[in-house]
């Protein structure tokens, strides 16, 4: 179960990649814009300001997230849906998928299908975290492999749930798209207080630790959380009251049918 309040603890830091991604989408008057995996909807709502004449739709598999989004004062329409089942309707000119596809095995094939089903000249913009080799995730996988938690957690955690930028580019070029792919490492400066949990732990509770928490009972979760906090404090020590948290992200913006048009 997703917890919107936990996810939004670091809403400013989580919002920046979304805005950096959309800055590379030069669509002017799209007929319809779909945000796949819209979460609590706060970022999706900004799309209505950018494209006020367009139909904006936000979809997410979490009923809790959609309930939070539906309470916003925005013309955006929100609904519960699974991105694996979604297919573009006619007139869908922009598709956004921000920090979602890392949860979907085999999503390169999904991106290719979307690109082929969208109308010519449509924009497909996606961003996924690329930090799965970071100390935070190495510690998470190492603990999950220990005997107290291995049976419950080992099947849940993948070492490389996302591809590299060049691999996404290759898939979408093969689907006939013009592609802009890049990566950015943000250095988030997270406030560290002596009387509070380590900030990287609270960050992870909003995303990577969600399936871990769901798989463990209260006692095992408490023990796992305590052990992980020790590893995170060693990997990300507090300095001058803050923790320096590097976070790599992978971006891809593709325009459908553009390569075919170039070859005419």
Protein backbone atom coordinates (compact mmCIF):
# COMPACT_ATOMS: atom_id res chain seq x y z
CA UNK A 1 0.00 0.00 0.00
CA UNK A 2 1.30 3.43 -0.96
CA UNK A 3 1.23 6.15 1.70
CA UNK A 4 0.93 9.59 0.01
CA UNK A 5 2.03 11.45 3.15
CA UNK A 6 5.21 9.38 3.44
CA UNK A 7 5.96 9.77 -0.27
CA UNK A 8 5.56 13.56 -0.08
CA UNK A 9 8.06 14.02 2.76
CA UNK A 10 10.62 15.07 0.14
CA UNK A 11 8.24 16.47 -2.44
CA UNK A 12 10.56 19.27 -3.58
CA UNK A 13 13.42 16.86 -4.28
CA UNK A 14 11.11 14.37 -6.01
CA UNK A 15 9.55 17.13 -8.13
CA UNK A 16 12.75 18.39 -9.72
CA UNK A 17 13.31 15.43 -12.10
CA UNK A 18 9.69 15.70 -13.26
CA UNK A 19 10.18 19.35 -14.22
CA UNK A 20 13.56 18.63 -15.82
CA UNK A 21 11.96 15.87 -17.88
CA UNK A 22 9.03 18.01 -19.04
CA UNK A 23 11.38 20.88 -19.94
CA UNK A 24 12.58 18.71 -22.86
CA UNK A 25 9.07 18.12 -24.23
CA UNK A 26 8.34 21.02 -26.64
CA UNK A 27 4.73 20.10 -27.41
CA UNK A 28 2.63 23.24 -27.79
CA UNK A 29 -1.05 22.26 -28.08
CA UNK A 30 -1.41 18.54 -27.36
CA UNK A 31 -4.92 17.18 -27.61
CA UNK A 32 -4.54 14.83 -24.64
CA UNK A 33 -1.78 14.37 -22.05
CA UNK A 34 -1.56 11.23 -19.90
CA UNK A 35 0.57 10.91 -16.77
CA UNK A 36 1.12 7.21 -16.09
CA UNK A 37 1.86 6.57 -12.44
CA UNK A 38 0.73 10.01 -11.33
CA UNK A 39 1.00 9.30 -7.59
CA UNK A 40 -0.67 11.95 -5.41
CA UNK A 41 -1.30 14.13 -8.48
CA UNK A 42 0.50 17.28 -7.37
CA UNK A 43 2.90 17.21 -10.31
CA UNK A 44 0.23 16.13 -12.79
CA UNK A 45 -1.80 19.19 -11.82
CA UNK A 46 1.01 21.44 -13.10
CA UNK A 47 0.44 20.04 -16.59
CA UNK A 48 -2.96 21.72 -16.69
CA UNK A 49 -1.20 25.06 -16.20
CA UNK A 50 1.27 24.35 -18.98
CA UNK A 51 -1.34 23.05 -21.45
CA UNK A 52 -4.63 24.68 -20.38
CA UNK A 53 -6.47 23.70 -23.55
CA UNK A 54 -5.57 20.01 -23.34
CA UNK A 55 -7.33 17.09 -21.71
CA UNK A 56 -5.05 15.97 -18.86
CA UNK A 57 -5.42 12.54 -17.27
CA UNK A 58 -3.49 11.03 -14.35
CA UNK A 59 -3.49 7.27 -13.82
CA UNK A 60 -2.06 5.23 -10.95
CA UNK A 61 -2.46 1.68 -9.66
CA UNK A 62 -2.74 2.89 -6.05
CA UNK A 63 -6.26 3.71 -4.90
CA UNK A 64 -4.73 5.66 -1.98
CA UNK A 65 -2.74 7.86 -4.34
CA UNK A 66 -5.72 8.46 -6.63
CA UNK A 67 -7.92 9.38 -3.67
CA UNK A 68 -5.35 12.00 -2.66
CA UNK A 69 -5.09 13.27 -6.26
CA UNK A 70 -8.86 13.46 -6.73
CA UNK A 71 -9.09 15.86 -3.77
CA UNK A 72 -6.90 18.45 -5.55
CA UNK A 73 -8.45 21.61 -6.97
CA UNK A 74 -7.50 20.94 -10.58
CA UNK A 75 -9.23 20.20 -13.92
CA UNK A 76 -7.11 17.06 -14.28
CA UNK A 77 -9.03 13.77 -14.35
CA UNK A 78 -7.67 10.95 -12.18
CA UNK A 79 -8.39 7.21 -12.24
CA UNK A 80 -7.01 3.93 -10.94
CA UNK A 81 -5.27 1.95 -13.70
CA UNK A 82 -2.30 -0.36 -14.23
CA UNK A 83 0.32 1.01 -16.64
CA UNK A 84 0.87 -2.52 -17.97
CA UNK A 85 -2.67 -2.59 -19.31
CA UNK A 86 -2.86 0.99 -20.58
CA UNK A 87 -3.15 1.67 -24.30
CA UNK A 88 -3.21 5.16 -25.83
CA UNK A 89 -6.49 6.50 -27.12
CA UNK A 90 -6.63 8.50 -30.36
CA UNK A 91 -5.46 12.05 -29.75
CA UNK A 92 -2.94 11.18 -27.04
CA UNK A 93 -0.08 13.49 -27.97
CA UNK A 94 1.99 13.44 -24.76
CA UNK A 95 2.65 10.54 -22.40
CA UNK A 96 4.59 11.08 -19.18
CA UNK A 97 5.89 8.30 -16.94
CA UNK A 98 7.89 9.70 -14.05
CA UNK A 99 9.63 7.36 -11.56
CA UNK A 100 7.22 4.49 -12.24
CA UNK A 101 8.68 1.98 -14.67
CA UNK A 102 11.35 0.74 -12.25
CA UNK A 103 8.47 -1.19 -10.62
CA UNK A 104 7.50 -2.88 -13.92
CA UNK A 105 9.58 -5.84 -15.12
CA UNK A 106 10.08 -5.86 -18.89
CA UNK A 107 9.14 -2.21 -19.26
CA UNK A 108 11.40 -1.63 -22.28
CA UNK A 109 8.93 -3.69 -24.29
CA UNK A 110 6.12 -1.64 -22.81
CA UNK A 111 7.78 1.61 -23.91
CA UNK A 112 8.22 0.21 -27.40
CA UNK A 113 4.55 -0.75 -27.59
CA UNK A 114 3.45 2.70 -26.46
CA UNK A 115 5.71 4.33 -29.02
CA UNK A 116 4.23 2.24 -31.82
CA UNK A 117 0.62 2.79 -30.72
CA UNK A 118 0.85 6.56 -30.22
CA UNK A 119 0.05 8.85 -33.15
CA UNK A 120 2.90 10.09 -35.30
CA UNK A 121 4.56 13.12 -33.74
CA UNK A 122 3.49 12.28 -30.19
CA UNK A 123 5.88 12.71 -27.26
CA UNK A 124 6.82 9.95 -24.82
CA UNK A 125 8.76 11.14 -21.77
CA UNK A 126 9.99 8.87 -19.00
CA UNK A 127 12.29 9.10 -16.00
CA UNK A 128 13.48 6.28 -13.76
CA UNK A 129 15.86 6.22 -10.81
CA UNK A 130 19.28 4.89 -11.75
CA UNK A 131 20.69 4.58 -8.24
CA UNK A 132 20.30 0.84 -7.68
CA UNK A 133 24.06 0.45 -7.22
CA UNK A 134 24.14 3.24 -4.61
CA UNK A 135 25.14 2.41 -1.00
CA UNK A 136 21.50 2.73 0.07
CA UNK A 137 20.31 -0.03 -2.26
CA UNK A 138 23.35 -2.23 -1.77
CA UNK A 139 22.66 -2.15 1.96
CA UNK A 140 18.99 -2.90 1.34
CA UNK A 141 19.79 -5.97 -0.78
CA UNK A 142 22.51 -7.19 1.58
CA UNK A 143 20.17 -7.11 4.58
CA UNK A 144 17.33 -8.66 2.62
CA UNK A 145 19.61 -11.61 1.87
CA UNK A 146 20.27 -12.37 5.53
CA UNK A 147 18.56 -15.43 7.09
CA UNK A 148 15.98 -13.57 9.22
CA UNK A 149 14.50 -11.87 6.16
CA UNK A 150 15.71 -13.79 3.10
CA UNK A 151 12.61 -15.90 2.52
CA UNK A 152 10.25 -12.94 2.61
CA UNK A 153 12.38 -10.30 0.87
CA UNK A 154 14.81 -11.87 -1.59
CA UNK A 155 12.17 -12.37 -4.33
CA UNK A 156 11.11 -8.71 -4.06
CA UNK A 157 14.38 -6.94 -4.77
CA UNK A 158 16.11 -6.84 -8.16
CA UNK A 159 19.68 -5.63 -8.64
CA UNK A 160 19.03 -3.88 -11.94
CA UNK A 161 15.33 -3.10 -12.47
CA UNK A 162 16.13 -0.38 -15.02
CA UNK A 163 18.22 -0.20 -18.17
CA UNK A 164 20.95 2.24 -19.12
CA UNK A 165 20.18 5.38 -21.18
CA UNK A 166 21.70 3.92 -24.35
CA UNK A 167 19.53 0.79 -24.03
CA UNK A 168 16.34 2.83 -23.80
CA UNK A 169 17.49 4.91 -26.74
CA UNK A 170 18.17 1.78 -28.84
CA UNK A 171 14.70 0.36 -28.12
CA UNK A 172 12.88 3.55 -29.04
CA UNK A 173 14.98 4.29 -32.12
CA UNK A 174 14.13 0.78 -33.31
CA UNK A 175 10.45 1.74 -32.86
CA UNK A 176 10.93 4.67 -35.25
CA UNK A 177 11.39 7.46 -32.70
CA UNK A 178 13.78 10.36 -32.49
CA UNK A 179 15.28 10.08 -29.01
CA UNK A 180 16.87 12.35 -26.44
CA UNK A 181 18.33 10.29 -23.57
CA UNK A 182 20.49 11.47 -20.69
CA UNK A 183 21.28 10.99 -17.02
CA UNK A 184 21.68 13.35 -14.09
CA UNK A 185 23.00 12.84 -10.58
CA UNK A 186 21.30 15.14 -8.10
CA UNK A 187 23.00 15.77 -4.77
CA UNK A 188 20.16 16.18 -2.30
CA UNK A 189 21.06 17.94 0.93
CA UNK A 190 18.77 16.34 3.49
CA UNK A 191 18.36 17.82 6.95
CA UNK A 192 19.67 15.52 9.69
CA UNK A 193 18.39 16.01 13.22
CA UNK A 194 19.78 14.16 16.27
CA UNK A 195 16.26 13.42 17.50
CA UNK A 196 14.95 12.03 14.18
CA UNK A 197 15.49 9.03 11.92
CA UNK A 198 18.28 9.14 9.37
CA UNK A 199 16.94 11.15 6.40
CA UNK A 200 17.90 8.55 3.78
CA UNK A 201 15.88 6.01 5.74
CA UNK A 202 12.82 8.27 5.71
CA UNK A 203 13.38 8.91 2.00
CA UNK A 204 13.47 5.18 1.27
CA UNK A 205 10.33 4.57 3.31
CA UNK A 206 8.42 6.52 0.68
CA UNK A 207 9.57 4.29 -2.19
CA UNK A 208 12.12 1.44 -2.05
CA UNK A 209 11.09 0.21 1.40
CA UNK A 210 7.39 0.07 0.61
CA UNK A 211 7.38 -3.60 -0.54
CA UNK A 212 9.70 -4.53 2.33
CA UNK A 213 7.32 -3.07 4.90
CA UNK A 214 4.38 -4.85 3.28
CA UNK A 215 6.14 -8.24 3.38
CA UNK A 216 7.20 -8.18 7.05
CA UNK A 217 5.26 -8.33 10.28
CA UNK A 218 5.68 -5.52 12.79
CA UNK A 219 8.54 -7.14 14.74
CA UNK A 220 10.57 -8.11 11.66
CA UNK A 221 10.00 -4.71 10.08
CA UNK A 222 11.25 -2.94 13.20
CA UNK A 223 14.38 -5.10 13.32
CA UNK A 224 15.05 -4.66 9.60
CA UNK A 225 14.52 -0.92 9.79
CA UNK A 226 16.91 -0.59 12.74
CA UNK A 227 19.62 -2.61 10.98
CA UNK A 228 19.26 -0.61 7.78
CA UNK A 229 19.48 2.68 9.68
CA UNK A 230 22.91 1.65 10.98
CA UNK A 231 24.19 0.95 7.45
CA UNK A 232 22.79 4.22 6.13
CA UNK A 233 24.37 6.27 8.90
CA UNK A 234 27.75 4.79 7.97
CA UNK A 235 27.28 5.29 4.23
CA UNK A 236 25.77 8.79 4.50
CA UNK A 237 27.23 10.50 7.58
CA UNK A 238 25.70 13.76 8.75
CA UNK A 239 27.87 16.85 8.27
CA UNK A 240 26.93 20.34 9.42
CA UNK A 241 23.44 19.11 10.20
CA UNK A 242 22.76 17.58 6.80
CA UNK A 243 23.32 14.45 4.76
CA UNK A 244 24.65 14.57 1.20
CA UNK A 245 22.56 12.10 -0.78
CA UNK A 246 23.62 11.58 -4.44
CA UNK A 247 20.76 10.28 -6.57
CA UNK A 248 21.23 9.25 -10.20
CA UNK A 249 18.26 9.44 -12.56
CA UNK A 250 17.80 8.36 -16.18
CA UNK A 251 15.70 10.40 -18.63
CA UNK A 252 14.32 9.58 -22.07
CA UNK A 253 12.21 11.77 -24.35
CA UNK A 254 11.10 10.26 -27.64
CA UNK A 255 9.05 11.62 -30.54
CA UNK A 256 7.13 8.96 -32.39
CA UNK A 257 7.52 8.48 -36.13
CA UNK A 258 10.18 11.17 -36.32
CA UNK A 259 12.93 8.93 -37.75
CA UNK A 260 10.59 7.64 -40.43
CA UNK A 261 9.80 11.22 -41.44
CA UNK A 262 13.51 12.08 -41.54
CA UNK A 263 14.13 9.20 -43.95
CA UNK A 264 11.46 10.27 -46.47
